[in-house]
Amino acid sequence: MLRRLYDWVMGLAASRHAPTSLFAVSFAESSFFPIPPDVMLAPMCLAKPEKAWRYATICTIGSVLGGILGYAIGYFLRDFGLWMMTATGHSGGLAEFQCWYAKYGVWVILAKGLTPIPYKLVTIASGLAMFSFPMFIAASVATRGARFFLVAFIVKKFGPALLPVVERRLALFAGILIALIVIGLTASHLLGGSGHGGACVA
């Protein structure tokens, strides 16, 4: 199954509809969609390294615009935003993120925007907490841009040479990705539980 999924994504990444699909996934992931755009960005950069910066830009623009939708959901549709937080396993919802914002401010967006933590949680919670919208946009551009351009840089520089290795060691790379996600979740827990007696719970 992993091999078929990998081949399908690589085929989609090389198709003429790939940029549009990448934008759609990036936009949706910032507000409601569960699949991160990195899944498409990396193979697209592998397939066409000369367009890596363009793809990273598409990812960044789509993600920030989707983040605005997530922010709007939290800000204007509070009950729906709280329901989405609960549905994704953050039943503490507003109180949890307000506590984080009170302690860390924009650093919450900066930290979580660069990690594998679902960014839609940050965007919706930012609206719920009525966090400064201009600061939210600035932090989103900085973190999402840094993340996607870093992925593009690594794949552009090392990807073609590593592609045969990735294809042979697909299961190993999947395990590494899972490990990185676990590390990101652990970091999120430590961020939420540190300081002021651990009042904020992740």
Protein backbone atom coordinates (compact mmCIF):
# COMPACT_ATOMS: atom_id res chain seq x y z
CA MET A 1 0.00 0.00 0.00
CA LEU A 2 2.82 2.41 0.88
CA ARG A 3 4.50 1.73 -2.47
CA ARG A 4 1.24 2.33 -4.39
CA LEU A 5 0.60 5.57 -2.49
CA TYR A 6 4.15 6.75 -3.17
CA ASP A 7 3.86 5.96 -6.89
CA TRP A 8 0.47 7.71 -7.07
CA VAL A 9 1.78 10.87 -5.38
CA MET A 10 4.84 10.92 -7.64
CA GLY A 11 2.60 10.54 -10.69
CA LEU A 12 0.34 13.36 -9.50
CA ALA A 13 3.36 15.53 -8.73
CA ALA A 14 4.54 15.21 -12.33
CA SER A 15 1.12 15.93 -13.88
CA ARG A 16 0.04 19.26 -15.35
CA HIS A 17 -2.53 19.63 -12.58
CA ALA A 18 0.06 19.30 -9.81
CA PRO A 19 0.46 23.04 -8.98
CA THR A 20 -3.31 23.50 -8.67
CA SER A 21 -3.59 20.41 -6.48
CA LEU A 22 -0.68 21.59 -4.35
CA PHE A 23 -2.35 24.97 -3.78
CA ALA A 24 -5.67 23.30 -2.89
CA VAL A 25 -4.05 20.93 -0.38
CA SER A 26 -2.00 23.75 1.18
CA PHE A 27 -5.09 25.94 1.52
CA ALA A 28 -7.30 23.21 2.96
CA GLU A 29 -4.69 21.87 5.39
CA SER A 30 -4.53 25.22 7.20
CA SER A 31 -8.19 25.12 8.15
CA PHE A 32 -9.74 21.65 7.93
CA PHE A 33 -7.91 19.11 5.72
CA PRO A 34 -5.82 16.44 7.55
CA ILE A 35 -3.05 15.85 4.96
CA PRO A 36 -0.03 18.21 5.07
CA PRO A 37 1.14 19.74 1.77
CA ASP A 38 4.67 18.45 2.37
CA VAL A 39 3.41 15.09 1.10
CA MET A 40 2.99 16.64 -2.35
CA LEU A 41 5.69 19.30 -2.19
CA ALA A 42 8.62 16.93 -1.75
CA PRO A 43 7.83 14.58 -4.68
CA MET A 44 6.97 17.56 -6.89
CA CYS A 45 10.37 19.07 -6.18
CA LEU A 46 11.91 15.68 -6.89
CA ALA A 47 10.09 15.43 -10.20
CA LYS A 48 10.93 19.01 -11.29
CA PRO A 49 13.77 20.46 -9.18
CA GLU A 50 13.97 23.56 -11.39
CA LYS A 51 10.50 24.56 -10.13
CA ALA A 52 11.18 23.91 -6.44
CA TRP A 53 11.02 27.60 -5.42
CA ARG A 54 7.81 28.08 -7.37
CA TYR A 55 6.23 25.11 -5.63
CA ALA A 56 7.37 26.36 -2.21
CA THR A 57 5.82 29.74 -3.01
CA ILE A 58 2.54 28.09 -4.02
CA CYS A 59 2.57 26.14 -0.76
CA THR A 60 3.23 29.26 1.30
CA ILE A 61 0.54 31.38 -0.37
CA GLY A 62 -2.04 28.59 -0.19
CA SER A 63 -1.21 27.84 3.44
CA VAL A 64 -1.41 31.48 4.57
CA LEU A 65 -4.70 32.06 2.73
CA GLY A 66 -6.07 28.86 4.25
CA GLY A 67 -4.84 30.08 7.62
CA ILE A 68 -6.93 33.22 7.18
CA LEU A 69 -9.97 30.98 6.68
CA GLY A 70 -9.08 29.05 9.84
CA TYR A 71 -8.68 32.32 11.75
CA ALA A 72 -12.06 33.52 10.43
CA ILE A 73 -13.70 30.27 11.56
CA GLY A 74 -12.41 30.79 15.08
CA TYR A 75 -13.16 34.51 15.14
CA PHE A 76 -16.62 34.64 13.54
CA LEU A 77 -17.90 31.07 14.06
CA ARG A 78 -16.79 30.47 17.63
CA ASP A 79 -19.09 27.54 18.37
CA PHE A 80 -18.06 25.79 15.16
CA GLY A 81 -14.40 26.59 15.86
CA LEU A 82 -14.66 25.11 19.35
CA TRP A 83 -16.35 22.03 17.91
CA MET A 84 -13.51 21.59 15.42
CA MET A 85 -10.96 21.89 18.23
CA THR A 86 -12.80 19.22 20.22
CA ALA A 87 -13.18 16.99 17.15
CA THR A 88 -9.41 17.06 16.59
CA GLY A 89 -8.65 16.02 20.17
CA HIS A 90 -8.16 19.43 21.80
CA SER A 91 -11.16 19.54 24.09
CA GLY A 92 -9.47 22.25 26.18
CA GLY A 93 -9.87 24.38 23.08
CA LEU A 94 -10.03 28.09 23.77
CA ALA A 95 -8.81 28.05 27.37
CA GLU A 96 -5.75 25.98 26.43
CA PHE A 97 -4.63 28.21 23.60
CA GLN A 98 -5.48 31.46 25.40
CA CYS A 99 -3.17 30.27 28.16
CA TRP A 100 -0.43 29.58 25.63
CA TYR A 101 -0.89 32.97 23.98
CA ALA A 102 -0.84 34.75 27.35
CA LYS A 103 2.49 33.08 28.19
CA TYR A 104 4.23 32.91 24.80
CA GLY A 105 2.38 35.28 22.45
CA VAL A 106 3.52 35.05 18.84
CA TRP A 107 6.04 32.33 19.74
CA VAL A 108 3.17 29.85 19.80
CA ILE A 109 2.57 30.46 16.08
CA LEU A 110 6.28 30.55 15.31
CA ALA A 111 6.94 27.25 17.13
CA LYS A 112 3.93 25.34 15.87
CA GLY A 113 4.09 26.70 12.33
CA LEU A 114 7.47 25.01 11.85
CA THR A 115 6.58 21.65 13.38
CA PRO A 116 4.45 18.74 12.09
CA ILE A 117 1.67 19.83 14.49
CA PRO A 118 -1.53 20.36 12.46
CA TYR A 119 -1.44 24.07 11.64
CA LYS A 120 -5.22 24.28 11.46
CA LEU A 121 -5.26 24.02 15.26
CA VAL A 122 -3.15 27.18 15.44
CA THR A 123 -5.21 29.10 12.89
CA ILE A 124 -8.58 28.31 14.45
CA ALA A 125 -7.29 28.89 17.97
CA SER A 126 -5.79 32.23 16.94
CA GLY A 127 -9.24 33.38 15.86
CA LEU A 128 -10.84 31.99 19.00
CA ALA A 129 -8.32 33.81 21.17
CA MET A 130 -8.73 37.01 19.09
CA PHE A 131 -4.98 37.11 18.58
CA SER A 132 -3.64 40.14 16.66
CA PHE A 133 -4.53 39.49 13.02
CA PRO A 134 -1.55 41.40 11.51
CA MET A 135 0.81 39.52 13.84
CA PHE A 136 -0.88 36.26 12.93
CA ILE A 137 -0.35 36.93 9.20
CA ALA A 138 3.30 37.94 9.71
CA ALA A 139 4.05 34.87 11.82
CA SER A 140 2.23 32.60 9.36
CA VAL A 141 4.17 33.92 6.37
CA ALA A 142 7.47 33.57 8.27
CA THR A 143 6.92 30.07 9.61
CA ARG A 144 5.12 28.46 6.70
CA GLY A 145 7.49 30.04 4.21
CA ALA A 146 10.51 28.87 6.20
CA ARG A 147 9.15 25.33 6.43
CA PHE A 148 8.21 24.92 2.76
CA PHE A 149 11.30 26.63 1.36
CA LEU A 150 13.48 24.47 3.62
CA VAL A 151 11.79 21.34 2.26
CA ALA A 152 12.25 22.63 -1.28
CA PHE A 153 15.92 23.47 -0.66
CA ILE A 154 16.74 20.06 0.80
CA VAL A 155 14.94 18.17 -1.95
CA LYS A 156 16.34 20.42 -4.70
CA LYS A 157 19.89 20.05 -3.45
CA PHE A 158 19.92 16.41 -2.41
CA GLY A 159 16.68 14.92 -3.75
CA PRO A 160 17.65 13.62 -7.19
CA ALA A 161 20.68 11.83 -5.78
CA LEU A 162 18.64 10.45 -2.88
CA LEU A 163 15.62 9.37 -4.95
CA PRO A 164 16.89 5.81 -5.65
CA VAL A 165 17.67 5.46 -1.93
CA VAL A 166 14.21 6.71 -0.99
CA GLU A 167 12.60 4.21 -3.35
CA ARG A 168 14.62 1.34 -1.90
CA ARG A 169 14.17 2.43 1.72
CA LEU A 170 10.58 3.63 1.59
CA ALA A 171 9.52 1.89 4.79
CA LEU A 172 12.54 3.29 6.65
CA PHE A 173 11.79 6.84 5.50
CA ALA A 174 8.16 6.41 6.55
CA GLY A 175 9.37 5.35 10.00
CA ILE A 176 11.60 8.42 10.21
CA LEU A 177 8.65 10.65 9.27
CA ILE A 178 6.52 9.08 12.00
CA ALA A 179 9.36 9.61 14.49
CA LEU A 180 9.58 13.29 13.53
CA ILE A 181 5.84 13.67 14.07
CA VAL A 182 6.16 12.07 17.53
CA ILE A 183 9.01 14.47 18.36
CA GLY A 184 6.86 17.39 17.22
CA LEU A 185 3.96 16.25 19.40
CA THR A 186 6.31 15.85 22.37
CA ALA A 187 7.68 19.34 21.83
CA SER A 188 4.13 20.68 21.71
CA HIS A 189 3.34 18.96 25.00
CA LEU A 190 6.45 20.39 26.67
CA LEU A 191 5.64 23.87 25.34
CA GLY A 192 2.12 23.65 26.66
CA GLY A 193 3.10 22.25 30.03
CA SER A 194 6.14 24.34 30.90
CA GLY A 195 6.28 27.48 32.97
CA HIS A 196 3.94 28.91 35.62
CA GLY A 197 3.45 25.55 37.25
CA GLY A 198 2.33 23.85 34.03
CA ALA A 199 -1.02 25.65 33.95
CA CYS A 200 -1.38 25.15 30.20
CA VAL A 201 -2.05 21.56 29.23
CA ALA A 202 -1.34 20.25 25.72
